[in-house]
Amino acid sequence: MKTRKFVPKETSIYMRFMYHENHVRERKLLQAFPNYSKATIYRHAKLSIDEEDNFDKRKQNEGRPRKLTVRDERNLVRELRKCRATIGSFSASRLRTAAGISPDVSLWTIRRALKRQGYHYLHSRKKGLLTRKDMSRRHQFARKIRRLLPDDFWKSGISFYIDGTSFVHKTNPFDQARATKSMA
């Protein structure tokens, strides 16, 4: 399907003037405006000169109103930060409930709003997210161990698994186990 080429208002009025006042028809009119199709030229030329461009109502029709207001989107982002700090992995439906948005708003709408804000959903993985509390505990542990253990301990006294699956951290294992293949 071809899209209509935008015709500036001045050009449209000039087409009308040539058609009505100068009685320019067919081939001469098409030659005068080679950038536009025949249908576009005649659509503009047959309008009266004093008539406004009422045939193009795209600017008057704003379309379907948004389901989420600006305030709802701000609430979503605020609750997203809270949920990331407390829960770790969570679904869009849980976020919708936490933000106080009606269940009539679809999850796709929620995800699109978050995407506009720069947040993206990924499939949940085996490992959970580290919270601030966990990170501070790890830091304290690392500082304590650094003081207590000799320098060569990490080279000779400990062994790691190459695939890295020995450590699994979940902030809320029961909740994450219920939500199989959820988005995080």
Protein backbone atom coordinates (compact mmCIF):
# COMPACT_ATOMS: atom_id res chain seq x y z
CA MET A 1 0.00 0.00 0.00
CA LYS A 2 1.40 3.37 -1.00
CA THR A 3 1.57 6.11 1.57
CA ARG A 4 0.34 9.58 0.76
CA LYS A 5 3.06 12.12 0.18
CA PHE A 6 2.66 15.18 2.36
CA VAL A 7 1.61 18.24 0.37
CA PRO A 8 2.45 21.61 1.94
CA LYS A 9 -0.44 24.04 2.36
CA GLU A 10 1.04 26.56 -0.10
CA THR A 11 1.37 23.91 -2.81
CA SER A 12 -2.16 22.71 -2.18
CA ILE A 13 -3.55 26.23 -2.54
CA TYR A 14 -1.51 26.75 -5.73
CA MET A 15 -2.99 23.52 -7.18
CA ARG A 16 -6.50 24.78 -6.41
CA PHE A 17 -5.78 28.18 -7.93
CA MET A 18 -4.45 26.65 -11.15
CA TYR A 19 -7.43 24.31 -11.42
CA HIS A 20 -10.24 26.81 -10.60
CA GLU A 21 -8.93 30.19 -11.75
CA ASN A 22 -6.57 29.38 -14.62
CA HIS A 23 -8.54 26.32 -15.74
CA VAL A 24 -5.39 24.21 -16.06
CA ARG A 25 -6.42 20.59 -16.56
CA GLU A 26 -5.00 17.08 -16.89
CA ARG A 27 -1.56 16.85 -18.52
CA LYS A 28 -0.47 20.44 -17.79
CA LEU A 29 -1.49 20.10 -14.15
CA LEU A 30 0.41 16.80 -13.85
CA GLN A 31 3.47 18.36 -15.53
CA ALA A 32 3.39 21.31 -13.13
CA PHE A 33 3.65 18.96 -10.11
CA PRO A 34 5.78 15.96 -11.12
CA ASN A 35 6.57 15.00 -7.50
CA TYR A 36 2.97 14.06 -6.68
CA SER A 37 0.68 11.34 -7.96
CA LYS A 38 -2.32 12.02 -10.18
CA ALA A 39 -4.77 11.17 -7.39
CA THR A 40 -3.03 13.49 -4.93
CA ILE A 41 -3.03 16.38 -7.39
CA TYR A 42 -6.73 16.03 -8.21
CA ARG A 43 -7.70 15.52 -4.57
CA HIS A 44 -6.13 18.88 -3.72
CA ALA A 45 -7.09 20.69 -6.95
CA LYS A 46 -10.82 19.96 -6.67
CA LEU A 47 -11.12 21.54 -3.24
CA SER A 48 -12.40 25.10 -3.24
CA ILE A 49 -9.78 27.82 -2.80
CA ASP A 50 -11.19 29.27 0.41
CA GLU A 51 -11.73 25.83 2.01
CA GLU A 52 -9.37 24.67 4.74
CA ASP A 53 -7.64 21.28 4.60
CA ASN A 54 -10.51 19.39 6.25
CA PHE A 55 -9.85 16.21 4.32
CA ASP A 56 -6.83 15.41 6.53
CA LYS A 57 -8.18 14.84 10.03
CA ARG A 58 -5.11 13.10 11.41
CA LYS A 59 -4.13 16.08 13.54
CA GLN A 60 -7.64 16.49 14.95
CA ASN A 61 -7.98 12.85 15.98
CA GLU A 62 -5.61 12.24 18.87
CA GLY A 63 -6.36 8.53 18.89
CA ARG A 64 -7.25 6.23 21.73
CA PRO A 65 -6.46 7.68 25.17
CA ARG A 66 -3.68 6.00 27.13
CA LYS A 67 -4.59 3.43 29.76
CA LEU A 68 -1.77 4.59 32.04
CA THR A 69 -1.46 8.17 33.17
CA VAL A 70 1.88 9.87 33.78
CA ARG A 71 1.32 9.39 37.50
CA ASP A 72 0.73 5.64 37.00
CA GLU A 73 4.04 5.37 35.13
CA ARG A 74 5.85 7.19 37.95
CA ASN A 75 4.24 4.83 40.47
CA LEU A 76 5.39 1.85 38.40
CA VAL A 77 9.01 3.02 38.45
CA ARG A 78 8.85 3.81 42.18
CA GLU A 79 7.41 0.39 43.01
CA LEU A 80 9.89 -1.30 40.67
CA ARG A 81 12.79 0.11 42.69
CA LYS A 82 11.16 -0.98 45.96
CA CYS A 83 10.48 -4.51 44.66
CA ARG A 84 14.02 -4.87 43.34
CA ALA A 85 15.39 -3.92 46.77
CA THR A 86 13.11 -6.24 48.75
CA ILE A 87 12.02 -9.14 46.54
CA GLY A 88 14.64 -9.44 43.80
CA SER A 89 12.83 -11.24 40.99
CA PHE A 90 9.16 -10.45 40.41
CA SER A 91 6.57 -10.50 37.66
CA ALA A 92 4.76 -7.65 35.93
CA SER A 93 1.49 -8.67 37.57
CA ARG A 94 3.03 -8.30 41.01
CA LEU A 95 4.41 -4.91 40.02
CA ARG A 96 1.00 -3.83 38.71
CA THR A 97 -0.61 -4.78 42.03
CA ALA A 98 2.11 -3.07 44.08
CA ALA A 99 1.74 0.15 42.06
CA GLY A 100 -2.03 0.18 42.65
CA ILE A 101 -2.95 -0.06 38.98
CA SER A 102 -6.26 -1.63 37.98
CA PRO A 103 -6.16 -5.28 36.82
CA ASP A 104 -8.01 -4.11 33.68
CA VAL A 105 -4.69 -2.71 32.41
CA SER A 106 -2.91 -5.50 30.54
CA LEU A 107 0.57 -6.71 31.40
CA TRP A 108 1.74 -5.75 27.90
CA THR A 109 0.83 -2.14 28.69
CA ILE A 110 2.84 -2.33 31.92
CA ARG A 111 5.85 -3.78 30.10
CA ARG A 112 5.66 -1.17 27.33
CA ALA A 113 5.53 1.63 29.93
CA LEU A 114 8.59 0.21 31.69
CA LYS A 115 10.40 -0.14 28.37
CA ARG A 116 9.77 3.54 27.65
CA GLN A 117 11.39 4.31 31.02
CA GLY A 118 14.45 2.24 30.09
CA TYR A 119 13.69 -0.98 31.99
CA HIS A 120 13.67 -4.34 30.19
CA TYR A 121 12.37 -7.75 31.19
CA LEU A 122 14.54 -10.85 31.01
CA HIS A 123 13.71 -14.47 31.71
CA SER A 124 14.32 -15.41 35.34
CA ARG A 125 17.49 -17.36 35.94
CA LYS A 126 18.57 -19.80 38.59
CA LYS A 127 20.46 -17.16 40.54
CA GLY A 128 18.52 -14.45 42.33
CA LEU A 129 19.53 -10.82 42.59
CA LEU A 130 21.80 -9.60 45.39
CA THR A 131 20.21 -7.11 47.73
CA ARG A 132 22.05 -4.23 49.41
CA LYS A 133 22.05 -6.15 52.67
CA ASP A 134 23.71 -9.17 51.02
CA MET A 135 26.32 -6.97 49.36
CA SER A 136 27.26 -5.29 52.66
CA ARG A 137 27.50 -8.70 54.36
CA ARG A 138 29.80 -9.97 51.59
CA HIS A 139 31.98 -6.88 51.90
CA GLN A 140 32.28 -7.32 55.69
CA PHE A 141 33.10 -11.01 55.24
CA ALA A 142 35.77 -10.26 52.63
CA ARG A 143 37.46 -7.66 54.85
CA LYS A 144 37.40 -10.02 57.83
CA ILE A 145 38.78 -12.98 55.85
CA ARG A 146 41.51 -10.82 54.32
CA ARG A 147 42.78 -10.02 57.80
CA LEU A 148 42.52 -13.57 59.17
CA LEU A 149 43.84 -15.74 56.33
CA PRO A 150 47.35 -15.83 54.85
CA ASP A 151 47.96 -14.36 51.36
CA ASP A 152 48.57 -17.72 49.64
CA PHE A 153 45.30 -19.23 50.94
CA TRP A 154 43.34 -18.27 47.83
CA LYS A 155 45.93 -19.91 45.58
CA SER A 156 46.44 -23.18 47.40
CA GLY A 157 43.83 -23.58 50.13
CA ILE A 158 40.52 -23.31 48.21
CA SER A 159 39.13 -24.80 45.02
CA PHE A 160 36.39 -23.50 42.69
CA TYR A 161 34.11 -25.22 40.25
CA ILE A 162 34.86 -24.13 36.69
CA ASP A 163 31.20 -23.94 35.61
CA GLY A 164 30.31 -21.69 38.56
CA THR A 165 27.15 -23.58 39.53
CA SER A 166 28.21 -24.32 43.08
CA PHE A 167 26.81 -21.05 44.42
CA VAL A 168 23.10 -20.36 44.04
CA HIS A 169 21.72 -17.28 45.73
CA LYS A 170 18.00 -16.71 46.05
CA THR A 171 16.41 -14.00 48.12
CA ASN A 172 13.01 -15.71 48.33
CA PRO A 173 13.28 -19.30 46.99
CA PHE A 174 9.68 -20.35 47.65
CA ASP A 175 8.18 -17.38 45.82
CA GLN A 176 10.53 -17.78 42.87
CA ALA A 177 9.89 -21.51 42.70
CA ARG A 178 6.15 -20.88 42.33
CA ALA A 179 6.63 -18.47 39.42
CA THR A 180 8.07 -20.78 36.78
CA LYS A 181 9.55 -19.12 33.70
CA SER A 182 8.54 -15.74 35.04
CA MET A 183 9.99 -12.50 33.78
CA ALA A 184 12.35 -10.48 35.96
